PDB file of all heavy atoms in Angstrom:
ATOM      1  N   LEU A   1      17.159 -14.560 -66.346  1.00  0.00           N
ATOM      2  CA  LEU A   1      16.705 -15.913 -66.020  1.00  0.00           C
ATOM      3  C   LEU A   1      16.798 -16.832 -67.233  1.00  0.00           C
ATOM      4  O   LEU A   1      17.225 -17.987 -67.115  1.00  0.00           O
ATOM      5  CB  LEU A   1      15.265 -15.857 -65.502  1.00  0.00           C
ATOM      6  CG  LEU A   1      15.053 -15.073 -64.206  1.00  0.00           C
ATOM      7  CD1 LEU A   1      13.570 -14.959 -63.892  1.00  0.00           C
ATOM      8  CD2 LEU A   1      15.792 -15.717 -63.041  1.00  0.00           C
ATOM      9  N   VAL A   2      16.399 -16.335 -68.393  1.00  0.00           N
ATOM     10  CA  VAL A   2      16.407 -17.164 -69.596  1.00  0.00           C
ATOM     11  C   VAL A   2      17.827 -17.435 -70.068  1.00  0.00           C
ATOM     12  O   VAL A   2      18.193 -18.575 -70.392  1.00  0.00           O
ATOM     13  CB  VAL A   2      15.590 -16.495 -70.714  1.00  0.00           C
ATOM     14  CG1 VAL A   2      15.755 -17.247 -72.029  1.00  0.00           C
ATOM     15  CG2 VAL A   2      14.117 -16.445 -70.323  1.00  0.00           C
ATOM     16  N   LEU A   3      18.664 -16.400 -70.093  1.00  0.00           N
ATOM     17  CA  LEU A   3      20.016 -16.549 -70.622  1.00  0.00           C
ATOM     18  C   LEU A   3      20.890 -17.440 -69.748  1.00  0.00           C
ATOM     19  O   LEU A   3      21.794 -18.099 -70.246  1.00  0.00           O
ATOM     20  CB  LEU A   3      20.667 -15.176 -70.783  1.00  0.00           C
ATOM     21  CG  LEU A   3      20.159 -14.336 -71.954  1.00  0.00           C
ATOM     22  CD1 LEU A   3      20.669 -12.912 -71.842  1.00  0.00           C
ATOM     23  CD2 LEU A   3      20.591 -14.944 -73.280  1.00  0.00           C
ATOM     24  N   THR A   4      20.648 -17.427 -68.445  1.00  0.00           N
ATOM     25  CA  THR A   4      21.492 -18.207 -67.537  1.00  0.00           C
ATOM     26  C   THR A   4      20.884 -19.554 -67.169  1.00  0.00           C
ATOM     27  O   THR A   4      21.498 -20.318 -66.426  1.00  0.00           O
ATOM     28  CB  THR A   4      21.772 -17.414 -66.248  1.00  0.00           C
ATOM     29  OG1 THR A   4      20.532 -17.138 -65.563  1.00  0.00           O
ATOM     30  CG2 THR A   4      22.477 -16.108 -66.558  1.00  0.00           C
ATOM     31  N   ARG A   5      19.707 -19.856 -67.692  1.00  0.00           N
ATOM     32  CA  ARG A   5      19.029 -21.096 -67.282  1.00  0.00           C
ATOM     33  C   ARG A   5      19.851 -22.323 -67.631  1.00  0.00           C
ATOM     34  O   ARG A   5      19.899 -23.280 -66.860  1.00  0.00           O
ATOM     35  CB  ARG A   5      17.662 -21.172 -67.964  1.00  0.00           C
ATOM     36  CG  ARG A   5      16.827 -22.379 -67.585  1.00  0.00           C
ATOM     37  CD  ARG A   5      15.429 -22.259 -68.142  1.00  0.00           C
ATOM     38  NE  ARG A   5      15.441 -22.141 -69.587  1.00  0.00           N
ATOM     39  CZ  ARG A   5      15.408 -23.165 -70.442  1.00  0.00           C
ATOM     40  NH1 ARG A   5      15.373 -24.396 -69.960  1.00  0.00           N
ATOM     41  NH2 ARG A   5      15.407 -22.973 -71.735  1.00  0.00           N
ATOM     42  N   ARG A   6      20.495 -22.307 -68.771  1.00  0.00           N
ATOM     43  CA  ARG A   6      21.259 -23.467 -69.212  1.00  0.00           C
ATOM     44  C   ARG A   6      22.759 -23.297 -69.018  1.00  0.00           C
ATOM     45  O   ARG A   6      23.540 -24.151 -69.471  1.00  0.00           O
ATOM     46  CB  ARG A   6      20.959 -23.748 -70.685  1.00  0.00           C
ATOM     47  CG  ARG A   6      19.510 -24.173 -70.929  1.00  0.00           C
ATOM     48  CD  ARG A   6      19.298 -24.558 -72.382  1.00  0.00           C
ATOM     49  NE  ARG A   6      17.941 -25.017 -72.601  1.00  0.00           N
ATOM     50  CZ  ARG A   6      17.461 -25.425 -73.785  1.00  0.00           C
ATOM     51  NH1 ARG A   6      18.267 -25.422 -74.845  1.00  0.00           N
ATOM     52  NH2 ARG A   6      16.210 -25.821 -73.907  1.00  0.00           N
ATOM     53  N   GLU A   7      23.159 -22.217 -68.380  1.00  0.00           N
ATOM     54  CA  GLU A   7      24.582 -22.024 -68.103  1.00  0.00           C
ATOM     55  C   GLU A   7      25.006 -22.833 -66.883  1.00  0.00           C
ATOM     56  O   GLU A   7      24.176 -23.309 -66.109  1.00  0.00           O
ATOM     57  CB  GLU A   7      24.871 -20.536 -67.876  1.00  0.00           C
ATOM     58  CG  GLU A   7      24.642 -19.654 -69.089  1.00  0.00           C
ATOM     59  CD  GLU A   7      25.617 -19.930 -70.217  1.00  0.00           C
ATOM     60  OE1 GLU A   7      26.747 -20.376 -69.945  1.00  0.00           O
ATOM     61  OE2 GLU A   7      25.241 -19.702 -71.382  1.00  0.00           O
ATOM     62  N   ARG A   8      26.294 -22.975 -66.718  1.00  0.00           N
ATOM     63  CA  ARG A   8      26.814 -23.666 -65.537  1.00  0.00           C
ATOM     64  C   ARG A   8      26.361 -22.938 -64.277  1.00  0.00           C
ATOM     65  O   ARG A   8      26.153 -21.734 -64.269  1.00  0.00           O
ATOM     66  CB  ARG A   8      28.342 -23.713 -65.590  1.00  0.00           C
ATOM     67  CG  ARG A   8      28.900 -24.532 -66.724  1.00  0.00           C
ATOM     68  CD  ARG A   8      30.406 -24.450 -66.754  1.00  0.00           C
ATOM     69  NE  ARG A   8      30.986 -24.838 -65.477  1.00  0.00           N
ATOM     70  CZ  ARG A   8      32.278 -24.731 -65.183  1.00  0.00           C
ATOM     71  NH1 ARG A   8      33.116 -24.221 -66.082  1.00  0.00           N
ATOM     72  NH2 ARG A   8      32.736 -25.104 -64.012  1.00  0.00           N
ATOM     73  N   GLN A   9      26.226 -23.696 -63.192  1.00  0.00           N
ATOM     74  CA  GLN A   9      25.751 -23.111 -61.942  1.00  0.00           C
ATOM     75  C   GLN A   9      26.633 -21.952 -61.498  1.00  0.00           C
ATOM     76  O   GLN A   9      26.138 -20.924 -61.025  1.00  0.00           O
ATOM     77  CB  GLN A   9      25.707 -24.192 -60.854  1.00  0.00           C
ATOM     78  CG  GLN A   9      25.331 -23.694 -59.465  1.00  0.00           C
ATOM     79  CD  GLN A   9      23.933 -23.116 -59.430  1.00  0.00           C
ATOM     80  OE1 GLN A   9      23.106 -23.424 -60.273  1.00  0.00           O
ATOM     81  NE2 GLN A   9      23.656 -22.252 -58.457  1.00  0.00           N
ATOM     82  N   SER A  10      27.944 -22.074 -61.655  1.00  0.00           N
ATOM     83  CA  SER A  10      28.849 -20.995 -61.242  1.00  0.00           C
ATOM     84  C   SER A  10      28.618 -19.743 -62.082  1.00  0.00           C
ATOM     85  O   SER A  10      28.649 -18.621 -61.566  1.00  0.00           O
ATOM     86  CB  SER A  10      30.304 -21.455 -61.366  1.00  0.00           C
ATOM     87  OG  SER A  10      30.603 -21.832 -62.709  1.00  0.00           O
ATOM     88  N   THR A  11      28.378 -19.919 -63.386  1.00  0.00           N
ATOM     89  CA  THR A  11      28.097 -18.774 -64.245  1.00  0.00           C
ATOM     90  C   THR A  11      26.805 -18.097 -63.834  1.00  0.00           C
ATOM     91  O   THR A  11      26.714 -16.869 -63.742  1.00  0.00           O
ATOM     92  CB  THR A  11      28.004 -19.224 -65.716  1.00  0.00           C
ATOM     93  OG1 THR A  11      29.255 -19.789 -66.110  1.00  0.00           O
ATOM     94  CG2 THR A  11      27.669 -18.053 -66.623  1.00  0.00           C
ATOM     95  N   ARG A  12      25.790 -18.895 -63.556  1.00  0.00           N
ATOM     96  CA  ARG A  12      24.486 -18.347 -63.189  1.00  0.00           C
ATOM     97  C   ARG A  12      24.568 -17.526 -61.916  1.00  0.00           C
ATOM     98  O   ARG A  12      24.075 -16.406 -61.844  1.00  0.00           O
ATOM     99  CB  ARG A  12      23.480 -19.492 -63.007  1.00  0.00           C
ATOM    100  CG  ARG A  12      22.084 -19.033 -62.666  1.00  0.00           C
ATOM    101  CD  ARG A  12      21.184 -20.205 -62.312  1.00  0.00           C
ATOM    102  NE  ARG A  12      21.089 -21.171 -63.387  1.00  0.00           N
ATOM    103  CZ  ARG A  12      20.379 -22.289 -63.306  1.00  0.00           C
ATOM    104  NH1 ARG A  12      19.728 -22.580 -62.188  1.00  0.00           N
ATOM    105  NH2 ARG A  12      20.321 -23.125 -64.311  1.00  0.00           N
ATOM    106  N   ARG A  13      25.211 -18.055 -60.880  1.00  0.00           N
ATOM    107  CA  ARG A  13      25.222 -17.342 -59.605  1.00  0.00           C
ATOM    108  C   ARG A  13      26.161 -16.145 -59.625  1.00  0.00           C
ATOM    109  O   ARG A  13      25.938 -15.167 -58.908  1.00  0.00           O
ATOM    110  CB  ARG A  13      25.595 -18.287 -58.475  1.00  0.00           C
ATOM    111  CG  ARG A  13      26.997 -18.885 -58.504  1.00  0.00           C
ATOM    112  CD  ARG A  13      27.128 -19.971 -57.430  1.00  0.00           C
ATOM    113  NE  ARG A  13      28.393 -20.665 -57.446  1.00  0.00           N
ATOM    114  CZ  ARG A  13      29.457 -20.334 -56.734  1.00  0.00           C
ATOM    115  NH1 ARG A  13      29.398 -19.274 -55.942  1.00  0.00           N
ATOM    116  NH2 ARG A  13      30.568 -21.022 -56.799  1.00  0.00           N
ATOM    117  N   HIS A  14      27.195 -16.179 -60.465  1.00  0.00           N
ATOM    118  CA  HIS A  14      28.126 -15.058 -60.492  1.00  0.00           C
ATOM    119  C   HIS A  14      27.640 -13.913 -61.363  1.00  0.00           C
ATOM    120  O   HIS A  14      28.127 -12.791 -61.255  1.00  0.00           O
ATOM    121  CB  HIS A  14      29.500 -15.527 -60.967  1.00  0.00           C
ATOM    122  CG  HIS A  14      30.224 -16.344 -59.936  1.00  0.00           C
ATOM    123  ND1 HIS A  14      31.286 -17.163 -60.242  1.00  0.00           N
ATOM    124  CD2 HIS A  14      30.014 -16.471 -58.604  1.00  0.00           C
ATOM    125  CE1 HIS A  14      31.713 -17.761 -59.125  1.00  0.00           C
ATOM    126  NE2 HIS A  14      30.962 -17.341 -58.131  1.00  0.00           N
ATOM    127  N   LEU A  15      26.680 -14.173 -62.245  1.00  0.00           N
ATOM    128  CA  LEU A  15      26.124 -13.107 -63.069  1.00  0.00           C
ATOM    129  C   LEU A  15      24.909 -12.447 -62.436  1.00  0.00           C
ATOM    130  O   LEU A  15      24.620 -11.286 -62.699  1.00  0.00           O
ATOM    131  CB  LEU A  15      25.727 -13.660 -64.451  1.00  0.00           C
ATOM    132  CG  LEU A  15      26.860 -14.022 -65.401  1.00  0.00           C
ATOM    133  CD1 LEU A  15      26.291 -14.562 -66.704  1.00  0.00           C
ATOM    134  CD2 LEU A  15      27.745 -12.816 -65.668  1.00  0.00           C
ATOM    135  N   GLY A  16      24.192 -13.204 -61.616  1.00  0.00           N
ATOM    136  CA  GLY A  16      22.945 -12.699 -61.059  1.00  0.00           C
ATOM    137  C   GLY A  16      23.104 -11.411 -60.285  1.00  0.00           C
ATOM    138  O   GLY A  16      22.269 -10.506 -60.395  1.00  0.00           O
ATOM    139  N   LEU A  17      24.174 -11.296 -59.518  1.00  0.00           N
ATOM    140  CA  LEU A  17      24.392 -10.107 -58.699  1.00  0.00           C
ATOM    141  C   LEU A  17      24.411  -8.849 -59.550  1.00  0.00           C
ATOM    142  O   LEU A  17      23.794  -7.838 -59.204  1.00  0.00           O
ATOM    143  CB  LEU A  17      25.714 -10.249 -57.939  1.00  0.00           C
ATOM    144  CG  LEU A  17      26.255  -8.986 -57.258  1.00  0.00           C
ATOM    145  CD1 LEU A  17      25.315  -8.544 -56.143  1.00  0.00           C
ATOM    146  CD2 LEU A  17      27.660  -9.236 -56.710  1.00  0.00           C
ATOM    147  N   PHE A  18      25.075  -8.908 -60.700  1.00  0.00           N
ATOM    148  CA  PHE A  18      25.327  -7.704 -61.479  1.00  0.00           C
ATOM    149  C   PHE A  18      24.135  -7.299 -62.340  1.00  0.00           C
ATOM    150  O   PHE A  18      24.080  -6.160 -62.812  1.00  0.00           O
ATOM    151  CB  PHE A  18      26.575  -7.912 -62.341  1.00  0.00           C
ATOM    152  CG  PHE A  18      27.801  -8.191 -61.526  1.00  0.00           C
ATOM    153  CD1 PHE A  18      28.247  -9.490 -61.336  1.00  0.00           C
ATOM    154  CD2 PHE A  18      28.482  -7.162 -60.908  1.00  0.00           C
ATOM    155  CE1 PHE A  18      29.370  -9.754 -60.566  1.00  0.00           C
ATOM    156  CE2 PHE A  18      29.594  -7.410 -60.136  1.00  0.00           C
ATOM    157  CZ  PHE A  18      30.044  -8.705 -59.962  1.00  0.00           C
ATOM    158  N   VAL A  19      23.205  -8.205 -62.581  1.00  0.00           N
ATOM    159  CA  VAL A  19      21.972  -7.831 -63.262  1.00  0.00           C
ATOM    160  C   VAL A  19      20.911  -7.405 -62.256  1.00  0.00           C
ATOM    161  O   VAL A  19      20.156  -6.452 -62.488  1.00  0.00           O
ATOM    162  CB  VAL A  19      21.454  -8.990 -64.135  1.00  0.00           C
ATOM    163  CG1 VAL A  19      20.111  -8.630 -64.777  1.00  0.00           C
ATOM    164  CG2 VAL A  19      22.465  -9.338 -65.220  1.00  0.00           C
ATOM    165  N   MET A  20      20.844  -8.095 -61.115  1.00  0.00           N
ATOM    166  CA  MET A  20      19.831  -7.752 -60.120  1.00  0.00           C
ATOM    167  C   MET A  20      20.108  -6.406 -59.461  1.00  0.00           C
ATOM    168  O   MET A  20      19.166  -5.731 -59.029  1.00  0.00           O
ATOM    169  CB  MET A  20      19.762  -8.839 -59.039  1.00  0.00           C
ATOM    170  CG  MET A  20      19.157 -10.154 -59.503  1.00  0.00           C
ATOM    171  SD  MET A  20      17.547  -9.988 -60.316  1.00  0.00           S
ATOM    172  CE  MET A  20      16.578  -9.208 -59.014  1.00  0.00           C
ATOM    173  N   LEU A  21      21.365  -5.989 -59.393  1.00  0.00           N
ATOM    174  CA  LEU A  21      21.671  -4.700 -58.777  1.00  0.00           C
ATOM    175  C   LEU A  21      21.017  -3.542 -59.549  1.00  0.00           C
ATOM    176  O   LEU A  21      20.279  -2.746 -58.952  1.00  0.00           O
ATOM    177  CB  LEU A  21      23.181  -4.510 -58.669  1.00  0.00           C
ATOM    178  CG  LEU A  21      23.649  -3.192 -58.030  1.00  0.00           C
ATOM    179  CD1 LEU A  21      23.082  -3.041 -56.627  1.00  0.00           C
ATOM    180  CD2 LEU A  21      25.177  -3.119 -58.000  1.00  0.00           C
ATOM    181  N   PRO A  22      21.240  -3.401 -60.869  1.00  0.00           N
ATOM    182  CA  PRO A  22      20.518  -2.330 -61.580  1.00  0.00           C
ATOM    183  C   PRO A  22      19.014  -2.559 -61.609  1.00  0.00           C
ATOM    184  O   PRO A  22      18.240  -1.586 -61.674  1.00  0.00           O
ATOM    185  CB  PRO A  22      21.120  -2.368 -62.990  1.00  0.00           C
ATOM    186  CG  PRO A  22      21.727  -3.711 -63.127  1.00  0.00           C
ATOM    187  CD  PRO A  22      22.182  -4.095 -61.757  1.00  0.00           C
ATOM    188  N   ALA A  23      18.579  -3.825 -61.547  1.00  0.00           N
ATOM    189  CA  ALA A  23      17.137  -4.095 -61.524  1.00  0.00           C
ATOM    190  C   ALA A  23      16.507  -3.546 -60.248  1.00  0.00           C
ATOM    191  O   ALA A  23      15.428  -2.940 -60.279  1.00  0.00           O
ATOM    192  CB  ALA A  23      16.882  -5.597 -61.638  1.00  0.00           C
ATOM    193  N   VAL A  24      17.171  -3.742 -59.116  1.00  0.00           N
ATOM    194  CA  VAL A  24      16.655  -3.230 -57.846  1.00  0.00           C
ATOM    195  C   VAL A  24      16.663  -1.702 -57.850  1.00  0.00           C
ATOM    196  O   VAL A  24      15.707  -1.065 -57.390  1.00  0.00           O
ATOM    197  CB  VAL A  24      17.482  -3.788 -56.671  1.00  0.00           C
ATOM    198  CG1 VAL A  24      17.153  -3.051 -55.372  1.00  0.00           C
ATOM    199  CG2 VAL A  24      17.210  -5.283 -56.499  1.00  0.00           C
ATOM    200  N   VAL A  25      17.725  -1.106 -58.377  1.00  0.00           N
ATOM    201  CA  VAL A  25      17.774   0.357 -58.467  1.00  0.00           C
ATOM    202  C   VAL A  25      16.648   0.870 -59.368  1.00  0.00           C
ATOM    203  O   VAL A  25      15.952   1.840 -59.037  1.00  0.00           O
ATOM    204  CB  VAL A  25      19.142   0.817 -59.000  1.00  0.00           C
ATOM    205  CG1 VAL A  25      19.135   2.322 -59.266  1.00  0.00           C
ATOM    206  CG2 VAL A  25      20.246   0.465 -58.010  1.00  0.00           C
ATOM    207  N   GLY A  26      16.443   0.202 -60.498  1.00  0.00           N
ATOM    208  CA  GLY A  26      15.397   0.622 -61.424  1.00  0.00           C
ATOM    209  C   GLY A  26      14.010   0.510 -60.832  1.00  0.00           C
ATOM    210  O   GLY A  26      13.185   1.429 -60.978  1.00  0.00           O
ATOM    211  N   ILE A  27      13.719  -0.596 -60.141  1.00  0.00           N
ATOM    212  CA  ILE A  27      12.376  -0.764 -59.575  1.00  0.00           C
ATOM    213  C   ILE A  27      12.175   0.197 -58.413  1.00  0.00           C
ATOM    214  O   ILE A  27      11.047   0.652 -58.157  1.00  0.00           O
ATOM    215  CB  ILE A  27      12.145  -2.230 -59.136  1.00  0.00           C
ATOM    216  CG1 ILE A  27      10.641  -2.536 -59.069  1.00  0.00           C
ATOM    217  CG2 ILE A  27      12.786  -2.541 -57.830  1.00  0.00           C
ATOM    218  CD1 ILE A  27       9.937  -2.446 -60.375  1.00  0.00           C
ATOM    219  N   ALA A  28      13.249   0.539 -57.698  1.00  0.00           N
ATOM    220  CA  ALA A  28      13.139   1.519 -56.621  1.00  0.00           C
ATOM    221  C   ALA A  28      12.767   2.884 -57.189  1.00  0.00           C
ATOM    222  O   ALA A  28      11.913   3.593 -56.641  1.00  0.00           O
ATOM    223  CB  ALA A  28      14.446   1.599 -55.840  1.00  0.00           C
ATOM    224  N   LEU A  29      13.391   3.278 -58.291  1.00  0.00           N
ATOM    225  CA  LEU A  29      13.055   4.547 -58.931  1.00  0.00           C
ATOM    226  C   LEU A  29      11.636   4.525 -59.492  1.00  0.00           C
ATOM    227  O   LEU A  29      10.891   5.505 -59.383  1.00  0.00           O
ATOM    228  CB  LEU A  29      14.047   4.850 -60.051  1.00  0.00           C
ATOM    229  CG  LEU A  29      15.481   5.165 -59.624  1.00  0.00           C
ATOM    230  CD1 LEU A  29      16.378   5.286 -60.851  1.00  0.00           C
ATOM    231  CD2 LEU A  29      15.531   6.450 -58.801  1.00  0.00           C
ATOM    232  N   ALA A  30      11.247   3.395 -60.093  1.00  0.00           N
ATOM    233  CA  ALA A  30       9.920   3.296 -60.701  1.00  0.00           C
ATOM    234  C   ALA A  30       8.808   3.403 -59.675  1.00  0.00           C
ATOM    235  O   ALA A  30       7.716   3.906 -59.979  1.00  0.00           O
ATOM    236  CB  ALA A  30       9.795   1.980 -61.477  1.00  0.00           C
ATOM    237  N   THR A  31       9.068   2.939 -58.455  1.00  0.00           N
ATOM    238  CA  THR A  31       8.021   2.935 -57.428  1.00  0.00           C
ATOM    239  C   THR A  31       8.096   4.131 -56.486  1.00  0.00           C
ATOM    240  O   THR A  31       7.257   4.257 -55.600  1.00  0.00           O
ATOM    241  CB  THR A  31       8.117   1.638 -56.585  1.00  0.00           C
ATOM    242  OG1 THR A  31       9.442   1.510 -56.056  1.00  0.00           O
ATOM    243  CG2 THR A  31       7.803   0.417 -57.437  1.00  0.00           C
ATOM    244  N   THR A  32       9.063   5.014 -56.689  1.00  0.00           N
ATOM    245  CA  THR A  32       9.184   6.198 -55.819  1.00  0.00           C
ATOM    246  C   THR A  32       9.220   7.467 -56.663  1.00  0.00           C
ATOM    247  O   THR A  32       8.201   8.115 -56.870  1.00  0.00           O
ATOM    248  CB  THR A  32      10.441   6.097 -54.940  1.00  0.00           C
ATOM    249  OG1 THR A  32      11.604   5.893 -55.769  1.00  0.00           O
ATOM    250  CG2 THR A  32      10.321   4.944 -53.943  1.00  0.00           C
TER     251      THR A  32
END
């Protein structure tokens, strides 16, 4: 969120997928 806040909108939306994917996997493991 911090690193992409000032980036171009296209950069922000195209990077989010690839960081949120391991984040979702990590939180799934942490809660199970």
